Amino acid sequence: MKVTVRAYEPRDAAGVADVFYRSVREVALSDYTADQVKAWVPRRWDAEREHQRSGDGRLVLVAADEAGHVVAFIDLEPDGHIDRLYCAPEAAGRGIASQLYDGIETAAREQGIGRLFTEASELARRSSSGRASWCWNART
């Protein structure tokens, strides 16, 4: 799957909300019980709620397929916190999350953010392949 990584735009809100829902509801079932997944994401977010979150000052990068549909996204808060990194089921395991992470790391360096951190899920920790699932510090 060929994707383009780019900055979030308001038109992406519904796609980001859909990726988040499907990723948790389908992909996370490999590491969590159905009850845990339902507690995590009890229902779909609408586009307006997602846009409020994605448009709150954080940097959000999306990976869009050739048709322009969002298939993955990552966000970075101004303090270096990576809050979310999710791939649609059809995009999982294709290196797209790594492309998004590389984009966020580059943006963090450009913004002078010297430390990235997250509270990673079990699935993210296992699939990080040695990448920064806990903390990254810029080399000076």
Protein backbone atom coordinates (compact mmCIF):
# COMPACT_ATOMS: atom_id res chain seq x y z
CA MET A 1 0.00 0.00 0.00
CA LYS A 2 1.48 3.30 -1.09
CA VAL A 3 0.71 6.23 1.20
CA THR A 4 1.42 9.92 1.43
CA VAL A 5 2.27 11.32 4.85
CA ARG A 6 1.00 14.85 5.32
CA ALA A 7 -0.31 17.26 7.92
CA TYR A 8 -3.87 16.80 9.15
CA GLU A 9 -6.53 18.93 7.50
CA PRO A 10 -10.09 19.47 8.78
CA ARG A 11 -11.42 17.26 5.95
CA ASP A 12 -9.51 14.34 7.54
CA ALA A 13 -11.54 14.34 10.77
CA ALA A 14 -14.00 11.62 9.77
CA GLY A 15 -11.17 9.43 8.43
CA VAL A 16 -9.10 9.83 11.59
CA ALA A 17 -12.12 8.99 13.75
CA ASP A 18 -12.80 5.91 11.62
CA VAL A 19 -9.19 4.70 11.77
CA PHE A 20 -9.13 5.14 15.55
CA TYR A 21 -12.36 3.19 16.02
CA ARG A 22 -11.49 0.35 13.64
CA SER A 23 -7.94 0.05 14.90
CA VAL A 24 -9.02 -0.36 18.51
CA ARG A 25 -12.08 -2.47 17.75
CA GLU A 26 -10.32 -4.82 15.29
CA VAL A 27 -6.53 -4.71 15.66
CA ALA A 28 -6.38 -4.40 19.45
CA LEU A 29 -8.41 -7.57 19.92
CA SER A 30 -5.16 -9.48 19.45
CA ASP A 31 -3.96 -8.18 22.84
CA TYR A 32 -7.09 -7.16 24.75
CA THR A 33 -10.38 -8.80 25.65
CA ALA A 34 -13.59 -7.69 23.95
CA ASP A 35 -14.70 -6.05 27.21
CA GLN A 36 -11.43 -4.08 27.45
CA VAL A 37 -11.78 -2.92 23.85
CA LYS A 38 -15.38 -1.80 24.41
CA ALA A 39 -14.36 0.09 27.54
CA TRP A 40 -11.53 1.77 25.60
CA VAL A 41 -13.74 2.84 22.70
CA PRO A 42 -17.41 2.36 23.57
CA ARG A 43 -18.66 4.02 20.36
CA ARG A 44 -17.49 5.85 17.26
CA TRP A 45 -16.46 9.49 17.53
CA ASP A 46 -18.07 11.85 15.11
CA ALA A 47 -15.99 14.07 12.82
CA GLU A 48 -16.68 17.21 14.85
CA ARG A 49 -15.37 15.68 18.08
CA GLU A 50 -12.29 14.37 16.28
CA HIS A 51 -11.61 17.75 14.68
CA GLN A 52 -11.81 19.43 18.09
CA ARG A 53 -9.13 17.07 19.34
CA SER A 54 -6.92 17.08 16.26
CA GLY A 55 -7.25 20.84 15.88
CA ASP A 56 -6.34 21.74 19.47
CA GLY A 57 -2.74 22.76 18.74
CA ARG A 58 -1.15 19.34 18.52
CA LEU A 59 0.65 18.27 15.35
CA VAL A 60 -1.25 15.51 13.59
CA LEU A 61 0.18 13.66 10.61
CA VAL A 62 -1.97 11.37 8.52
CA ALA A 63 -1.06 8.66 6.05
CA ALA A 64 -3.43 8.75 3.10
CA ASP A 65 -3.74 6.06 0.45
CA GLU A 66 -3.72 6.76 -3.28
CA ALA A 67 -7.44 7.62 -3.18
CA GLY A 68 -6.81 10.15 -0.40
CA HIS A 69 -8.41 8.10 2.39
CA VAL A 70 -6.79 8.27 5.82
CA VAL A 71 -5.35 4.86 6.73
CA ALA A 72 -3.22 5.86 9.74
CA PHE A 73 -2.37 8.85 11.91
CA ILE A 74 -0.10 10.04 14.71
CA ASP A 75 -0.25 13.10 16.92
CA LEU A 76 2.32 15.06 18.89
CA GLU A 77 1.51 17.46 21.69
CA PRO A 78 3.71 20.56 22.15
CA ASP A 79 5.49 19.03 25.17
CA GLY A 80 6.73 16.04 23.11
CA HIS A 81 3.99 13.64 24.15
CA ILE A 82 2.87 11.27 21.39
CA ASP A 83 -0.74 10.72 22.36
CA ARG A 84 -2.00 8.52 19.54
CA LEU A 85 -0.62 6.36 16.72
CA TYR A 86 -3.20 4.18 14.98
CA CYS A 87 -3.43 2.26 11.71
CA ALA A 88 -6.52 0.95 10.01
CA PRO A 89 -6.60 -2.86 9.96
CA GLU A 90 -5.79 -2.98 6.25
CA ALA A 91 -2.72 -0.76 6.84
CA ALA A 92 -1.35 -2.51 9.93
CA GLY A 93 1.99 -4.27 9.57
CA ARG A 94 3.00 -2.44 6.39
CA GLY A 95 5.54 0.01 7.84
CA ILE A 96 3.13 2.94 7.76
CA ALA A 97 3.36 3.57 11.50
CA SER A 98 7.16 3.79 11.14
CA GLN A 99 6.76 6.37 8.37
CA LEU A 100 4.46 8.42 10.60
CA TYR A 101 6.83 8.14 13.55
CA ASP A 102 9.76 9.27 11.38
CA GLY A 103 7.71 12.29 10.30
CA ILE A 104 6.86 13.21 13.89
CA GLU A 105 10.48 12.79 14.96
CA THR A 106 11.63 15.11 12.16
CA ALA A 107 8.96 17.67 13.08
CA ALA A 108 9.95 17.48 16.74
CA ARG A 109 13.59 18.21 15.88
CA GLU A 110 12.52 21.15 13.68
CA GLN A 111 10.41 22.54 16.54
CA GLY A 112 13.24 22.16 19.05
CA ILE A 113 11.47 19.42 21.00
CA GLY A 114 14.27 17.41 22.59
CA ARG A 115 12.27 14.56 24.07
CA LEU A 116 9.41 12.40 22.81
CA PHE A 117 7.44 10.16 25.13
CA THR A 118 4.26 8.09 25.21
CA GLU A 119 2.25 5.64 27.28
CA ALA A 120 2.24 2.78 24.80
CA SER A 121 -0.31 0.00 24.69
CA GLU A 122 0.77 -3.63 24.86
CA LEU A 123 0.31 -3.95 21.10
CA ALA A 124 2.47 -0.88 20.41
CA ARG A 125 5.21 -2.04 22.75
CA ARG A 126 5.38 -5.46 21.11
CA SER A 127 5.31 -4.17 17.54
CA SER A 128 7.69 -1.26 17.91
CA SER A 129 10.63 -3.31 16.58
CA GLY A 130 13.11 -1.46 18.73
CA ARG A 131 11.67 1.98 18.03
CA ALA A 132 10.92 4.50 20.72
CA SER A 133 7.83 3.11 22.39
CA TRP A 134 8.82 4.63 25.71
CA CYS A 135 11.02 7.69 25.30
CA TRP A 136 13.31 9.35 22.76
CA ASN A 137 15.84 12.04 23.50
CA ALA A 138 17.36 14.16 20.79
CA ARG A 139 21.07 13.83 20.29
CA THR A 140 22.85 17.15 20.43
